[in-house]
Amino acid sequence: MDKPAIKMLFHLDPAMKNVPNIVKFFRKGLHWKFEQADTADRTDWFESANEKYGQCMYAHAVRCGGVFDMTNYWRWYESKKLK
């Protein structure tokens, strides 16, 4: 995602500015990789990305409601909360 698109995202949802690493998450295209990992149920991807981008994944999943259901991510997320 390019800089103007990220600026537009922050304009539409100012709270996103407060998510650590969110600019890098979008600039590197990790939001697309995250969506693909969800579709493929790649919990290994969630695990490896979680330490640095866990808050980004959560914020993106919350804000994608209605566009993507993120079923596999939410299942993985809930299993982590239980441990």
N, C-alpha and C. Protein backbone atom coordinates (compact mmCIF):
# COMPACT_ATOMS: atom_id res chain seq x y z
N MET A 1 0.87 -1.17 0.00
CA MET A 1 0.00 0.00 0.00
C MET A 1 0.91 1.23 0.00
N ASP A 2 0.60 2.16 -0.85
CA ASP A 2 1.44 3.35 -0.95
C ASP A 2 1.06 4.40 0.10
N LYS A 3 1.92 5.40 0.21
CA LYS A 3 1.76 6.43 1.24
C LYS A 3 0.42 7.16 1.18
N PRO A 4 -0.07 7.57 0.00
CA PRO A 4 -1.37 8.24 -0.05
C PRO A 4 -2.52 7.34 0.45
N ALA A 5 -2.45 6.07 0.14
CA ALA A 5 -3.50 5.15 0.60
C ALA A 5 -3.47 5.00 2.12
N ILE A 6 -2.28 4.94 2.68
CA ILE A 6 -2.16 4.83 4.14
C ILE A 6 -2.66 6.11 4.80
N LYS A 7 -2.34 7.26 4.21
CA LYS A 7 -2.85 8.53 4.74
C LYS A 7 -4.37 8.56 4.71
N MET A 8 -4.96 8.05 3.63
CA MET A 8 -6.41 8.01 3.52
C MET A 8 -6.99 7.08 4.59
N LEU A 9 -6.34 5.95 4.82
CA LEU A 9 -6.78 5.02 5.86
C LEU A 9 -6.78 5.70 7.22
N PHE A 10 -5.72 6.43 7.53
CA PHE A 10 -5.63 7.13 8.81
C PHE A 10 -6.66 8.25 8.91
N HIS A 11 -6.97 8.85 7.79
CA HIS A 11 -8.01 9.89 7.78
C HIS A 11 -9.38 9.26 8.09
N LEU A 12 -9.64 8.10 7.50
CA LEU A 12 -10.91 7.42 7.72
C LEU A 12 -11.00 6.78 9.11
N ASP A 13 -9.86 6.34 9.62
CA ASP A 13 -9.82 5.67 10.92
C ASP A 13 -8.59 6.14 11.71
N PRO A 14 -8.69 7.31 12.35
CA PRO A 14 -7.54 7.89 13.04
C PRO A 14 -6.93 6.98 14.12
N ALA A 15 -7.71 6.10 14.72
CA ALA A 15 -7.18 5.21 15.76
C ALA A 15 -6.12 4.26 15.22
N MET A 16 -6.13 4.01 13.92
CA MET A 16 -5.13 3.11 13.33
C MET A 16 -3.72 3.67 13.48
N LYS A 17 -3.59 4.98 13.59
CA LYS A 17 -2.27 5.60 13.76
C LYS A 17 -1.58 5.11 15.03
N ASN A 18 -2.36 4.69 16.01
CA ASN A 18 -1.82 4.29 17.31
C ASN A 18 -1.39 2.83 17.36
N VAL A 19 -1.60 2.07 16.31
CA VAL A 19 -1.24 0.65 16.29
C VAL A 19 0.24 0.54 15.93
N PRO A 20 1.05 -0.04 16.83
CA PRO A 20 2.49 -0.17 16.54
C PRO A 20 2.75 -0.95 15.26
N ASN A 21 3.66 -0.49 14.46
CA ASN A 21 4.10 -1.13 13.21
C ASN A 21 3.06 -1.15 12.10
N ILE A 22 1.96 -0.42 12.24
CA ILE A 22 0.89 -0.51 11.25
C ILE A 22 1.32 0.02 9.88
N VAL A 23 2.13 1.07 9.85
CA VAL A 23 2.57 1.60 8.56
C VAL A 23 3.41 0.54 7.84
N LYS A 24 4.34 -0.07 8.53
CA LYS A 24 5.17 -1.12 7.94
C LYS A 24 4.30 -2.31 7.50
N PHE A 25 3.31 -2.66 8.30
CA PHE A 25 2.39 -3.76 7.99
C PHE A 25 1.73 -3.53 6.63
N PHE A 26 1.28 -2.31 6.38
CA PHE A 26 0.65 -2.00 5.11
C PHE A 26 1.67 -1.76 3.99
N ARG A 27 2.75 -1.07 4.28
CA ARG A 27 3.74 -0.76 3.24
C ARG A 27 4.38 -2.03 2.68
N LYS A 28 4.60 -3.04 3.53
CA LYS A 28 5.20 -4.30 3.09
C LYS A 28 4.17 -5.25 2.47
N GLY A 29 2.91 -4.85 2.46
CA GLY A 29 1.87 -5.72 1.90
C GLY A 29 1.50 -6.88 2.81
N LEU A 30 1.87 -6.76 4.08
CA LEU A 30 1.58 -7.86 5.00
C LEU A 30 0.08 -8.02 5.25
N HIS A 31 -0.69 -6.97 5.04
CA HIS A 31 -2.14 -7.10 5.19
C HIS A 31 -2.69 -8.08 4.16
N TRP A 32 -2.15 -8.09 2.96
CA TRP A 32 -2.59 -9.04 1.93
C TRP A 32 -2.12 -10.45 2.28
N LYS A 33 -0.88 -10.56 2.74
CA LYS A 33 -0.37 -11.87 3.14
C LYS A 33 -1.17 -12.42 4.31
N PHE A 34 -1.57 -11.54 5.20
CA PHE A 34 -2.40 -11.93 6.34
C PHE A 34 -3.75 -12.47 5.84
N GLU A 35 -4.36 -11.78 4.91
CA GLU A 35 -5.65 -12.22 4.36
C GLU A 35 -5.49 -13.56 3.65
N GLN A 36 -4.39 -13.74 2.92
CA GLN A 36 -4.14 -15.01 2.25
C GLN A 36 -3.90 -16.12 3.27
N ALA A 37 -3.18 -15.81 4.34
CA ALA A 37 -2.93 -16.80 5.39
C ALA A 37 -4.25 -17.22 6.04
N ASP A 38 -5.16 -16.28 6.21
CA ASP A 38 -6.45 -16.62 6.77
C ASP A 38 -7.21 -17.56 5.83
N THR A 39 -7.24 -17.24 4.56
CA THR A 39 -7.95 -18.06 3.58
C THR A 39 -7.40 -19.49 3.56
N ALA A 40 -6.08 -19.62 3.67
CA ALA A 40 -5.42 -20.92 3.62
C ALA A 40 -5.30 -21.58 4.99
N ASP A 41 -5.82 -20.93 6.04
CA ASP A 41 -5.70 -21.41 7.42
C ASP A 41 -4.25 -21.68 7.79
N ARG A 42 -3.39 -20.71 7.50
CA ARG A 42 -1.95 -20.81 7.79
C ARG A 42 -1.66 -20.28 9.19
N THR A 43 -1.98 -21.08 10.18
CA THR A 43 -1.73 -20.65 11.56
C THR A 43 -0.23 -20.47 11.81
N ASP A 44 0.61 -21.17 11.04
CA ASP A 44 2.05 -20.97 11.18
C ASP A 44 2.43 -19.53 10.81
N TRP A 45 1.74 -18.94 9.82
CA TRP A 45 2.00 -17.56 9.45
C TRP A 45 1.59 -16.63 10.58
N PHE A 46 0.42 -16.89 11.17
CA PHE A 46 -0.04 -16.07 12.30
C PHE A 46 0.99 -16.13 13.42
N GLU A 47 1.47 -17.33 13.72
CA GLU A 47 2.46 -17.51 14.79
C GLU A 47 3.72 -16.70 14.53
N SER A 48 4.24 -16.81 13.31
CA SER A 48 5.51 -16.12 13.03
C SER A 48 5.34 -14.60 12.98
N ALA A 49 4.19 -14.13 12.54
CA ALA A 49 3.96 -12.68 12.44
C ALA A 49 3.49 -12.07 13.75
N ASN A 50 3.03 -12.89 14.66
CA ASN A 50 2.36 -12.39 15.86
C ASN A 50 3.24 -11.50 16.74
N GLU A 51 4.48 -11.87 16.95
CA GLU A 51 5.32 -11.09 17.87
C GLU A 51 5.47 -9.64 17.42
N LYS A 52 5.74 -9.43 16.14
CA LYS A 52 5.97 -8.07 15.65
C LYS A 52 4.69 -7.39 15.16
N TYR A 53 3.77 -8.18 14.60
CA TYR A 53 2.60 -7.60 13.95
C TYR A 53 1.27 -8.06 14.54
N GLY A 54 1.29 -8.62 15.73
CA GLY A 54 0.05 -9.11 16.34
C GLY A 54 -1.02 -8.05 16.48
N GLN A 55 -0.64 -6.86 16.92
CA GLN A 55 -1.62 -5.78 17.08
C GLN A 55 -2.13 -5.31 15.72
N CYS A 56 -1.27 -5.37 14.71
CA CYS A 56 -1.69 -5.00 13.35
C CYS A 56 -2.69 -6.00 12.81
N MET A 57 -2.41 -7.29 13.01
CA MET A 57 -3.33 -8.32 12.53
C MET A 57 -4.68 -8.15 13.20
N TYR A 58 -4.67 -7.94 14.50
CA TYR A 58 -5.93 -7.77 15.22
C TYR A 58 -6.70 -6.55 14.72
N ALA A 59 -6.02 -5.42 14.60
CA ALA A 59 -6.68 -4.19 14.14
C ALA A 59 -7.22 -4.36 12.73
N HIS A 60 -6.46 -4.98 11.87
CA HIS A 60 -6.91 -5.18 10.49
C HIS A 60 -8.11 -6.13 10.45
N ALA A 61 -8.06 -7.19 11.22
CA ALA A 61 -9.17 -8.15 11.24
C ALA A 61 -10.46 -7.50 11.75
N VAL A 62 -10.34 -6.68 12.79
CA VAL A 62 -11.51 -5.99 13.33
C VAL A 62 -12.11 -5.06 12.28
N ARG A 63 -11.26 -4.34 11.60
CA ARG A 63 -11.74 -3.34 10.64
C ARG A 63 -12.16 -3.94 9.30
N CYS A 64 -11.82 -5.21 9.06
CA CYS A 64 -12.22 -5.88 7.82
C CYS A 64 -13.57 -6.57 7.96
N GLY A 65 -14.16 -6.52 9.14
CA GLY A 65 -15.46 -7.15 9.34
C GLY A 65 -16.45 -6.70 8.29
N GLY A 66 -17.13 -7.63 7.70
CA GLY A 66 -18.07 -7.31 6.64
C GLY A 66 -17.46 -7.42 5.25
N VAL A 67 -16.12 -7.35 5.18
CA VAL A 67 -15.44 -7.52 3.90
C VAL A 67 -14.82 -8.91 3.87
N PHE A 68 -14.02 -9.21 4.89
CA PHE A 68 -13.43 -10.53 5.09
C PHE A 68 -13.91 -11.00 6.45
N ASP A 69 -14.23 -12.28 6.56
CA ASP A 69 -14.69 -12.74 7.87
C ASP A 69 -13.54 -13.16 8.79
N MET A 70 -12.38 -13.48 8.24
CA MET A 70 -11.18 -13.82 9.01
C MET A 70 -11.43 -14.97 9.99
N THR A 71 -12.25 -15.92 9.58
CA THR A 71 -12.64 -17.03 10.43
C THR A 71 -11.46 -17.78 11.01
N ASN A 72 -10.49 -18.11 10.19
CA ASN A 72 -9.34 -18.88 10.67
C ASN A 72 -8.48 -18.07 11.63
N TYR A 73 -8.32 -16.79 11.34
CA TYR A 73 -7.56 -15.94 12.26
C TYR A 73 -8.27 -15.88 13.61
N TRP A 74 -9.58 -15.63 13.60
CA TRP A 74 -10.30 -15.52 14.87
C TRP A 74 -10.26 -16.83 15.65
N ARG A 75 -10.31 -17.95 14.97
CA ARG A 75 -10.20 -19.25 15.66
C ARG A 75 -8.82 -19.37 16.32
N TRP A 76 -7.78 -19.01 15.56
CA TRP A 76 -6.42 -19.05 16.10
C TRP A 76 -6.28 -18.07 17.27
N TYR A 77 -6.80 -16.86 17.09
CA TYR A 77 -6.72 -15.82 18.12
C TYR A 77 -7.38 -16.30 19.41
N GLU A 78 -8.56 -16.86 19.30
CA GLU A 78 -9.28 -17.35 20.49
C GLU A 78 -8.52 -18.48 21.17
N SER A 79 -7.87 -19.33 20.40
CA SER A 79 -7.11 -20.42 21.01
C SER A 79 -5.90 -19.88 21.78
N LYS A 80 -5.35 -18.77 21.34
CA LYS A 80 -4.21 -18.16 22.04
C LYS A 80 -4.66 -17.47 23.31
N LYS A 81 -5.83 -16.91 23.31
CA LYS A 81 -6.35 -16.23 24.50
C LYS A 81 -6.61 -17.24 25.62
N LEU A 82 -6.91 -18.49 25.27
CA LEU A 82 -7.24 -19.49 26.27
C LEU A 82 -6.01 -20.03 26.98
N LYS A 83 -4.84 -19.86 26.38
CA LYS A 83 -3.61 -20.41 26.99
C LYS A 83 -3.00 -19.47 27.98
